Protein backbone atom coordinates (compact mmCIF):
# COMPACT_ATOMS: atom_id res chain seq x y z
CA PRO A 1 6.83 16.54 38.92
CA GLN A 2 9.04 18.64 41.12
CA ARG A 3 10.17 20.54 37.96
CA ILE A 4 6.67 21.71 37.24
CA THR A 5 6.97 24.90 39.32
CA PRO A 6 4.81 28.06 39.04
CA GLU A 7 7.88 29.75 37.36
CA LEU A 8 8.16 27.19 34.79
CA CYS A 9 4.39 27.39 33.97
CA THR A 10 4.80 31.12 33.66
CA ILE A 11 7.44 30.59 31.05
CA LEU A 12 5.37 27.97 29.21
CA GLN A 13 2.51 30.35 29.05
CA LYS A 14 4.50 32.57 26.68
CA HIS A 15 4.87 29.77 24.16
CA HIS A 16 1.37 28.76 23.35
CA PRO A 17 0.25 26.72 21.49
CA LEU A 18 2.15 24.03 23.39
CA PHE A 19 0.98 20.57 24.11
CA ILE A 20 2.60 18.23 26.53
CA SER A 21 2.25 14.43 26.55
CA ILE A 22 3.03 12.54 29.77
CA HIS A 23 3.77 8.73 30.07
CA THR A 24 1.68 7.02 32.78
CA ASN A 25 1.04 3.27 32.63
CA HIS A 26 -0.87 2.65 35.94
CA PRO A 27 -3.20 4.69 38.07
CA LYS A 28 -0.82 4.30 41.10
CA GLU A 29 1.68 6.52 39.27
CA LEU A 30 -0.78 9.50 39.69
CA THR A 31 0.53 10.40 43.08
CA THR A 32 -0.43 13.63 44.92
CA GLU A 33 2.84 15.24 43.70
CA VAL A 34 2.21 14.25 40.09
CA LYS A 35 -1.39 15.52 40.33
CA ALA A 36 -0.17 18.91 41.64
CA GLY A 37 2.31 19.23 38.66
CA LEU A 38 -0.43 18.37 36.20
CA GLU A 39 -2.81 20.85 37.71
CA ARG A 40 -0.13 23.60 37.50
CA LEU A 41 0.28 22.75 33.81
CA ALA A 42 -3.40 22.61 33.10
CA ASN A 43 -3.96 25.94 34.98
CA ALA A 44 -1.26 27.56 32.73
CA GLY A 45 -3.41 26.60 29.72
CA VAL A 46 -1.17 23.70 28.55
CA PRO A 47 -3.33 20.86 26.90
CA LEU A 48 -2.21 17.51 28.38
CA GLY A 49 -2.24 14.16 26.87
CA ASN A 50 -1.05 10.69 28.03
CA GLN A 51 0.70 7.80 26.30
CA SER A 52 0.63 4.45 27.95
CA VAL A 53 2.20 1.06 26.93
CA LEU A 54 0.14 -1.90 27.39
CA LEU A 55 2.16 -4.23 29.70
CA ARG A 56 1.33 -7.79 30.76
CA GLY A 57 0.76 -8.04 34.45
CA VAL A 58 0.91 -4.26 34.97
CA ASN A 59 -2.03 -2.72 33.15
CA ASP A 60 -3.45 -5.34 30.86
CA SER A 61 -6.85 -5.51 32.53
CA PRO A 62 -9.96 -3.51 31.54
CA LEU A 63 -10.49 -2.42 35.18
CA ILE A 64 -6.99 -1.10 35.58
CA GLN A 65 -7.13 0.82 32.30
CA ARG A 66 -10.57 2.15 33.22
CA ALA A 67 -9.17 3.44 36.58
CA LEU A 68 -6.18 4.87 34.69
CA VAL A 69 -8.23 6.86 32.20
CA HIS A 70 -10.65 8.02 34.89
CA LYS A 71 -7.76 9.32 37.11
CA LEU A 72 -6.13 11.02 34.02
CA LEU A 73 -9.39 12.82 33.26
CA MET A 74 -9.72 13.97 36.71
CA CYS A 75 -6.22 15.50 36.27
CA ARG A 76 -7.34 17.13 32.95
CA VAL A 77 -5.16 14.77 30.99
CA ARG A 78 -6.67 13.24 27.95
CA PRO A 79 -5.70 9.59 27.38
CA TYR A 80 -4.18 9.81 23.96
CA TYR A 81 -2.38 6.68 22.95
CA LEU A 82 -2.31 3.21 24.29
CA TYR A 83 0.61 1.42 22.67
CA GLN A 84 1.17 -2.25 21.99
CA CYS A 85 4.48 -3.05 23.61
CA ASP A 86 7.27 -2.63 21.03
CA LEU A 87 9.18 -5.58 19.70
CA ILE A 88 12.44 -4.74 21.56
CA ASN A 89 14.89 -7.09 23.08
CA GLY A 90 14.05 -8.00 26.64
CA SER A 91 10.37 -7.03 26.38
CA ALA A 92 8.78 -10.29 25.34
CA HIS A 93 7.56 -11.17 28.96
CA LEU A 94 5.72 -7.74 29.03
CA ARG A 95 3.93 -8.06 25.71
CA THR A 96 0.19 -8.95 25.57
CA SER A 97 -1.75 -10.14 22.60
CA VAL A 98 -3.31 -7.63 20.27
CA THR A 99 -6.65 -9.20 21.12
CA THR A 100 -6.12 -8.16 24.85
CA GLY A 101 -5.69 -4.50 23.76
CA LEU A 102 -8.72 -4.66 21.47
CA ASP A 103 -10.81 -6.11 24.36
CA ILE A 104 -9.61 -3.29 26.66
CA ILE A 105 -10.66 -0.68 24.14
CA GLU A 106 -14.03 -2.34 23.74
CA HIS A 107 -14.53 -2.41 27.46
CA LEU A 108 -13.68 1.29 27.67
CA ARG A 109 -16.11 2.09 24.85
CA GLY A 110 -18.98 0.73 26.83
CA HIS A 111 -17.88 2.02 30.32
CA THR A 112 -16.46 5.53 29.92
CA THR A 113 -16.80 8.80 28.11
CA GLY A 114 -15.28 8.98 24.68
CA TYR A 115 -12.74 11.42 26.01
CA GLY A 116 -11.30 8.66 28.12
CA ILE A 117 -10.78 6.24 25.30
CA PRO A 118 -7.08 6.32 24.07
CA GLN A 119 -6.31 5.35 20.44
CA TYR A 120 -4.80 1.92 20.57
CA VAL A 121 -1.78 1.69 18.30
CA ILE A 122 1.15 -0.46 17.16
CA ASP A 123 4.38 1.22 16.08
CA GLY A 124 4.89 -0.44 12.76
CA PRO A 125 8.13 -2.42 12.72
CA GLY A 126 10.98 -0.98 10.74
CA GLY A 127 9.63 2.71 10.89
CA GLY A 128 6.10 1.85 9.82
CA GLY A 129 4.67 4.66 12.05
CA LYS A 130 1.65 4.46 14.34
CA ILE A 131 -0.94 2.09 13.10
CA PRO A 132 -4.35 2.43 14.76
CA LEU A 133 -6.14 -0.76 15.88
CA ASN A 134 -9.91 -0.66 16.55
CA PRO A 135 -12.48 -3.24 17.32
CA GLU A 136 -14.66 -4.21 14.36
CA TYR A 137 -17.95 -2.49 14.72
CA ILE A 138 -18.93 -2.60 10.98
CA LEU A 139 -20.08 -6.26 10.26
CA ASN A 140 -21.20 -5.69 6.72
CA ARG A 141 -21.52 -3.00 4.01
CA GLN A 142 -23.93 -3.19 1.21
CA PRO A 143 -25.41 -0.59 -1.16
CA GLY A 144 -27.90 1.37 0.92
CA ARG A 145 -27.22 -0.13 4.34
CA VAL A 146 -24.46 -0.90 6.84
CA ILE A 147 -24.69 -3.56 9.54
CA LEU A 148 -23.12 -2.44 12.79
CA ARG A 149 -22.65 -3.74 16.32
CA ASN A 150 -22.10 -1.95 19.62
CA PHE A 151 -19.92 -2.92 22.58
CA GLN A 152 -22.72 -5.06 23.88
CA GLN A 153 -22.70 -7.10 20.64
CA GLN A 154 -26.16 -5.83 19.69
CA VAL A 155 -26.52 -5.62 15.89
CA PHE A 156 -28.14 -2.74 14.02
CA GLU A 157 -28.93 -2.03 10.46
CA TYR A 158 -28.22 1.55 9.40
CA PRO A 159 -29.60 3.18 6.23
CA ASP A 160 -26.58 4.31 4.16
CA PRO A 161 -27.31 6.71 1.29
CA ASN A 162 -25.76 5.60 -2.02
CA PRO A 163 -22.92 7.89 -3.05
CA ILE A 164 -23.48 9.98 -6.20
CA PRO A 165 -21.39 8.59 -9.04
CA ALA A 166 -18.38 10.65 -10.01
CA GLU A 167 -19.88 11.35 -13.49
CA ALA A 168 -23.09 12.75 -11.98
CA LEU A 169 -21.05 14.99 -9.59
CA ALA A 170 -18.97 16.32 -12.50
CA SER A 171 -22.22 17.07 -14.40
CA LEU A 172 -23.65 18.93 -11.40
CA GLN A 173 -20.50 20.90 -11.01
CA GLN A 174 -20.41 21.98 -14.67
CA LEU A 175 -24.10 23.04 -14.45
CA ALA A 176 -23.42 25.05 -11.36
CA GLU A 177 -20.47 26.71 -12.96
CA SER A 178 -22.33 27.50 -16.16
CA LYS A 179 -25.24 28.99 -14.17
CA SER A 180 -22.84 31.09 -12.23
CA THR A 181 -21.20 32.41 -15.36
CA ASN A 182 -24.48 33.17 -17.03
CA ASP A 183 -25.73 34.99 -13.91
CA HIS A 184 -22.97 37.55 -14.36
CA VAL A 185 -23.52 38.16 -18.27
CA GLY A 186 -24.59 41.84 -18.78
CA HIS A 187 -24.14 42.62 -15.08
CA PRO A 188 -21.19 44.30 -13.57
CA VAL A 189 -19.11 42.14 -11.35
CA SER A 190 -18.04 43.75 -8.20
């Protein structure tokens, strides 16, 4: 945080758009010094995001994650990603189950603003990229309705309009195009 000086922020202001992601895993990392640096960046107009890694025994509880995201938001940092700990040598003791991560996201969904909910992701092994993980809120889909649940496990039926078949859409498009063409017959086109 010492590097985030007013002079650096003046330089960064000349290079918008510029987005900066920080890496904070626990609310105790957001010290007074860190908060001051983040404030300088935010005041310079730099959008800030945070990436965290879910770590067993460090931040794998809903209450710690909620405290972290609330503190980040107070520093004008949007919680962006919550990573499942990578499959790297020496990290097995820090990895949690995927279910633990999903439970944390579910808890956050019911106990904080949507801005405070990071996207939970796994870095796909072998270069698979970021794969988003979300709790299952859609319980069933049928023509004309969707069965949903919320974070409190309450179930709701939602009317879902049936999609217009592709053939009908194509027919409507042709009709609209022919009408548009016929509207211009005998009239100057500007």
